[in-house]
Amino acid sequence: MTEVPAHEPGFVTFDTLTAEQPETADALVDAIVAEAAGRLRHSPGFLSSRVHVSPDRRTVVHRALWRGAADHHAAFPDGGDAGVSTALTNRPGVRTATAFRGSPAPGINGPQFGRQPGWVAVATRHLRDRDSFDALTGLLASSGEWKRHHRGFISATPHISRDGLTFVNYAMWEDADSYRAWMADPRISEGQEEIARLESAPPEYVLCTVAADIEAA
């Protein structure tokens, strides 16, 4: 059987911001890093934070790991479900902002598990119903037999929103070459066709690199 170990903590947030200019995205990265390194890392229940930027420097993704939802909410008492990135949505030059709040599910570890990623994909999928998540994680698990041996693959961790209708897969590779080899495998396109039957809307896919990592104090 394919091993699908759960290796993430209990609550995860993703905030995605798109910018009109690369300079705006650079400023967003700096602001998120400053807030996470200066305040959030001292918050009870905060575990780690990772800031990503797309190759064209127009999309920024902030992923934060928390011990639980209550810890995250306590860190933003004035904003409810707010986060570092969502506080920046009204800045000039910020075009769009989306937020995900949810929990991790068992994922797949590759041969480079534990290595720092050179390439990261954040895929957000909108599911038809709650049962679709079980079907989707089943597809992920069944594909693990070949994925966990793929050259340069680090890991893929699925996440589910609190209403069970939004799925975010966080996948990492050692470098761009291993990512391109992954995408060239015909089994990827076959799997995408199966996944599309479970979706209520087109997915959002962000390819990025890591701009900063912040650990808890």
Protein backbone atom coordinates (compact mmCIF):
# COMPACT_ATOMS: atom_id res chain seq x y z
CA MET A 1 0.00 0.00 0.00
CA THR A 2 1.05 3.59 -0.60
CA GLU A 3 2.15 5.44 2.51
CA VAL A 4 0.32 8.72 3.01
CA PRO A 5 1.63 10.05 6.34
CA ALA A 6 0.07 13.06 8.02
CA HIS A 7 2.99 15.34 8.81
CA GLU A 8 1.42 18.78 9.21
CA PRO A 9 -0.09 20.51 12.26
CA GLY A 10 -3.75 21.21 12.83
CA PHE A 11 -4.57 24.54 11.17
CA VAL A 12 -3.20 26.13 8.00
CA THR A 13 -3.83 29.47 6.31
CA PHE A 14 -3.09 30.46 2.73
CA ASP A 15 -3.35 34.09 1.62
CA THR A 16 -2.77 34.89 -2.05
CA LEU A 17 -2.28 38.44 -3.33
CA THR A 18 -1.80 39.52 -6.94
CA ALA A 19 -0.08 42.79 -7.77
CA GLU A 20 -0.10 45.13 -10.75
CA GLN A 21 3.69 45.55 -10.68
CA PRO A 22 6.62 43.42 -9.47
CA GLU A 23 7.65 46.24 -7.17
CA THR A 24 4.30 46.01 -5.38
CA ALA A 25 4.74 42.28 -4.88
CA ASP A 26 8.25 42.85 -3.52
CA ALA A 27 6.83 45.33 -1.00
CA LEU A 28 4.13 42.83 -0.01
CA VAL A 29 6.75 40.17 0.61
CA ASP A 30 8.73 42.57 2.80
CA ALA A 31 5.62 43.56 4.78
CA ILE A 32 4.52 39.97 5.37
CA VAL A 33 8.00 38.88 6.44
CA ALA A 34 8.31 41.86 8.80
CA GLU A 35 4.97 41.09 10.48
CA ALA A 36 5.58 37.36 10.73
CA ALA A 37 9.15 37.70 12.00
CA GLY A 38 8.42 40.65 14.28
CA ARG A 39 5.10 39.68 15.89
CA LEU A 40 3.53 36.44 14.76
CA ARG A 41 6.47 34.19 15.60
CA HIS A 42 5.94 35.12 19.26
CA SER A 43 2.21 34.31 19.21
CA PRO A 44 1.03 31.24 21.16
CA GLY A 45 0.35 28.35 18.82
CA PHE A 46 2.25 29.81 15.85
CA LEU A 47 4.48 27.15 14.29
CA SER A 48 5.90 28.53 11.07
CA SER A 49 5.31 30.84 8.14
CA ARG A 50 6.45 30.65 4.54
CA VAL A 51 6.25 33.45 1.99
CA HIS A 52 6.27 32.62 -1.73
CA VAL A 53 6.50 34.71 -4.88
CA SER A 54 5.70 33.74 -8.48
CA PRO A 55 8.46 33.85 -11.12
CA ASP A 56 6.97 37.00 -12.70
CA ARG A 57 6.87 38.66 -9.25
CA ARG A 58 3.19 39.49 -9.48
CA THR A 59 1.70 36.92 -7.08
CA VAL A 60 2.54 36.45 -3.41
CA VAL A 61 1.38 33.46 -1.35
CA HIS A 62 1.67 33.38 2.42
CA ARG A 63 1.25 30.00 4.12
CA ALA A 64 1.14 29.88 7.91
CA LEU A 65 0.98 26.83 10.17
CA TRP A 66 -0.75 26.97 13.55
CA ARG A 67 -1.33 24.51 16.35
CA GLY A 68 -5.08 25.13 16.05
CA ALA A 69 -7.73 27.52 14.76
CA ALA A 70 -8.17 29.12 18.19
CA ASP A 71 -4.49 30.12 18.27
CA HIS A 72 -4.79 31.75 14.87
CA HIS A 73 -7.93 33.65 15.84
CA ALA A 74 -6.31 34.85 19.07
CA ALA A 75 -3.42 36.33 17.09
CA PHE A 76 -5.89 38.54 15.15
CA PRO A 77 -8.45 39.62 17.79
CA ASP A 78 -9.70 42.55 15.71
CA GLY A 79 -10.04 40.68 12.46
CA GLY A 80 -11.67 37.33 13.14
CA ASP A 81 -10.40 35.26 10.22
CA ALA A 82 -7.92 37.92 9.10
CA GLY A 83 -4.24 37.27 8.55
CA VAL A 84 -1.01 39.02 7.72
CA SER A 85 -1.68 39.04 3.99
CA THR A 86 -5.34 40.02 4.19
CA ALA A 87 -4.40 43.17 6.09
CA LEU A 88 -2.54 44.31 2.95
CA THR A 89 -5.38 43.97 0.47
CA ASN A 90 -6.18 47.68 0.37
CA ARG A 91 -2.65 48.72 -0.57
CA PRO A 92 -2.31 50.58 -3.88
CA GLY A 93 -1.38 48.21 -6.68
CA VAL A 94 -2.92 45.10 -5.10
CA ARG A 95 -5.32 43.64 -7.67
CA THR A 96 -6.89 40.59 -5.97
CA ALA A 97 -6.73 38.75 -2.67
CA THR A 98 -8.01 35.32 -1.68
CA ALA A 99 -7.86 33.55 1.66
CA PHE A 100 -8.05 29.88 2.66
CA ARG A 101 -8.48 28.61 6.22
CA GLY A 102 -8.51 24.89 6.90
CA SER A 103 -6.84 21.70 8.03
CA PRO A 104 -4.22 19.45 6.45
CA ALA A 105 -4.92 15.89 5.40
CA PRO A 106 -2.56 12.95 4.81
CA GLY A 107 -0.27 13.59 1.85
CA ILE A 108 2.53 11.99 -0.11
CA ASN A 109 6.25 12.17 0.63
CA GLY A 110 8.79 11.92 -2.19
CA PRO A 111 12.46 10.91 -2.30
CA GLN A 112 13.59 14.44 -1.42
CA PHE A 113 11.30 14.80 1.61
CA GLY A 114 12.75 17.22 4.13
CA ARG A 115 14.73 19.21 1.55
CA GLN A 116 14.20 22.92 0.99
CA PRO A 117 11.97 23.34 -2.09
CA GLY A 118 13.15 25.16 -5.16
CA TRP A 119 9.71 25.06 -6.80
CA VAL A 120 6.28 25.08 -5.16
CA ALA A 121 2.77 24.72 -6.59
CA VAL A 122 -0.33 25.88 -4.74
CA ALA A 123 -3.42 24.42 -6.42
CA THR A 124 -6.85 25.54 -5.17
CA ARG A 125 -9.83 23.46 -6.24
CA HIS A 126 -13.52 24.18 -5.69
CA LEU A 127 -15.39 20.95 -5.01
CA ARG A 128 -18.97 20.06 -5.88
CA ASP A 129 -19.78 18.64 -2.44
CA ARG A 130 -18.21 17.24 0.72
CA ASP A 131 -17.99 13.73 -0.71
CA SER A 132 -15.76 15.06 -3.48
CA PHE A 133 -12.95 15.65 -0.98
CA ASP A 134 -12.85 11.98 -0.03
CA ALA A 135 -12.79 11.05 -3.72
CA LEU A 136 -10.03 13.57 -4.39
CA THR A 137 -7.81 12.39 -1.54
CA GLY A 138 -8.42 8.85 -2.74
CA LEU A 139 -7.07 9.81 -6.16
CA LEU A 140 -4.05 11.44 -4.53
CA ALA A 141 -3.35 8.35 -2.44
CA SER A 142 -3.69 5.96 -5.37
CA SER A 143 -1.22 8.01 -7.42
CA GLY A 144 1.31 7.94 -4.60
CA GLU A 145 2.83 4.65 -5.69
CA TRP A 146 4.64 6.33 -8.56
CA LYS A 147 4.78 9.91 -7.25
CA ARG A 148 6.71 9.04 -4.10
CA HIS A 149 9.56 7.74 -6.27
CA HIS A 150 9.61 10.63 -8.73
CA ARG A 151 12.97 12.34 -9.11
CA GLY A 152 13.19 15.61 -7.25
CA PHE A 153 9.72 15.36 -5.69
CA ILE A 154 9.57 16.51 -2.04
CA SER A 155 5.95 16.21 -0.93
CA ALA A 156 2.31 17.07 -1.60
CA THR A 157 -0.03 17.98 1.24
CA PRO A 158 -3.78 18.43 0.68
CA HIS A 159 -5.86 20.79 2.83
CA ILE A 160 -9.61 21.07 3.24
CA SER A 161 -11.60 24.16 4.19
CA ARG A 162 -13.93 24.17 7.16
CA ASP A 163 -17.02 23.84 4.95
CA GLY A 164 -15.45 20.93 3.06
CA LEU A 165 -15.78 22.60 -0.34
CA THR A 166 -12.33 24.07 -1.01
CA PHE A 167 -9.25 21.91 -1.46
CA VAL A 168 -5.70 23.28 -1.57
CA ASN A 169 -2.86 21.01 -2.59
CA TYR A 170 0.60 22.23 -1.59
CA ALA A 171 3.26 20.43 -3.65
CA MET A 172 7.04 20.90 -3.58
CA TRP A 173 9.94 19.91 -5.82
CA GLU A 174 13.69 20.24 -5.52
CA ASP A 175 14.01 22.42 -8.62
CA ALA A 176 12.35 23.54 -11.84
CA ASP A 177 13.69 20.56 -13.83
CA SER A 178 12.06 18.03 -11.50
CA TYR A 179 8.79 19.96 -11.68
CA ARG A 180 8.87 19.99 -15.49
CA ALA A 181 9.59 16.24 -15.57
CA TRP A 182 6.65 15.70 -13.23
CA MET A 183 4.27 17.69 -15.41
CA ALA A 184 5.47 15.90 -18.55
CA ASP A 185 4.45 12.51 -17.14
CA PRO A 186 1.24 11.42 -18.97
CA ARG A 187 -0.21 10.14 -15.67
CA ILE A 188 -0.54 13.77 -14.52
CA SER A 189 -2.90 14.73 -17.34
CA GLU A 190 -4.89 11.52 -16.83
CA GLY A 191 -5.33 12.39 -13.16
CA GLN A 192 -6.41 15.94 -13.96
CA GLU A 193 -9.27 14.62 -16.07
CA GLU A 194 -10.54 12.56 -13.13
CA ILE A 195 -10.22 15.48 -10.74
CA ALA A 196 -12.15 17.81 -13.06
CA ARG A 197 -15.27 15.67 -12.57
CA LEU A 198 -15.25 16.56 -8.86
CA GLU A 199 -14.98 20.33 -9.33
CA SER A 200 -17.66 23.01 -9.41
CA ALA A 201 -15.40 25.68 -10.96
CA PRO A 202 -11.99 25.91 -12.66
CA PRO A 203 -9.00 25.57 -10.30
CA GLU A 204 -6.48 28.29 -9.45
CA TYR A 205 -2.86 27.26 -9.85
CA VAL A 206 0.08 29.30 -8.58
CA LEU A 207 3.65 28.26 -9.29
CA CYS A 208 6.20 29.97 -7.08
CA THR A 209 9.51 29.94 -5.25
CA VAL A 210 10.17 30.45 -1.55
CA ALA A 211 11.01 34.01 -0.56
CA ALA A 212 11.29 33.50 3.21
CA ASP A 213 10.76 31.03 6.04
CA ILE A 214 9.91 32.14 9.59
CA GLU A 215 9.89 29.71 12.50
CA ALA A 216 8.28 30.19 15.91
CA ALA A 217 10.38 31.97 18.50
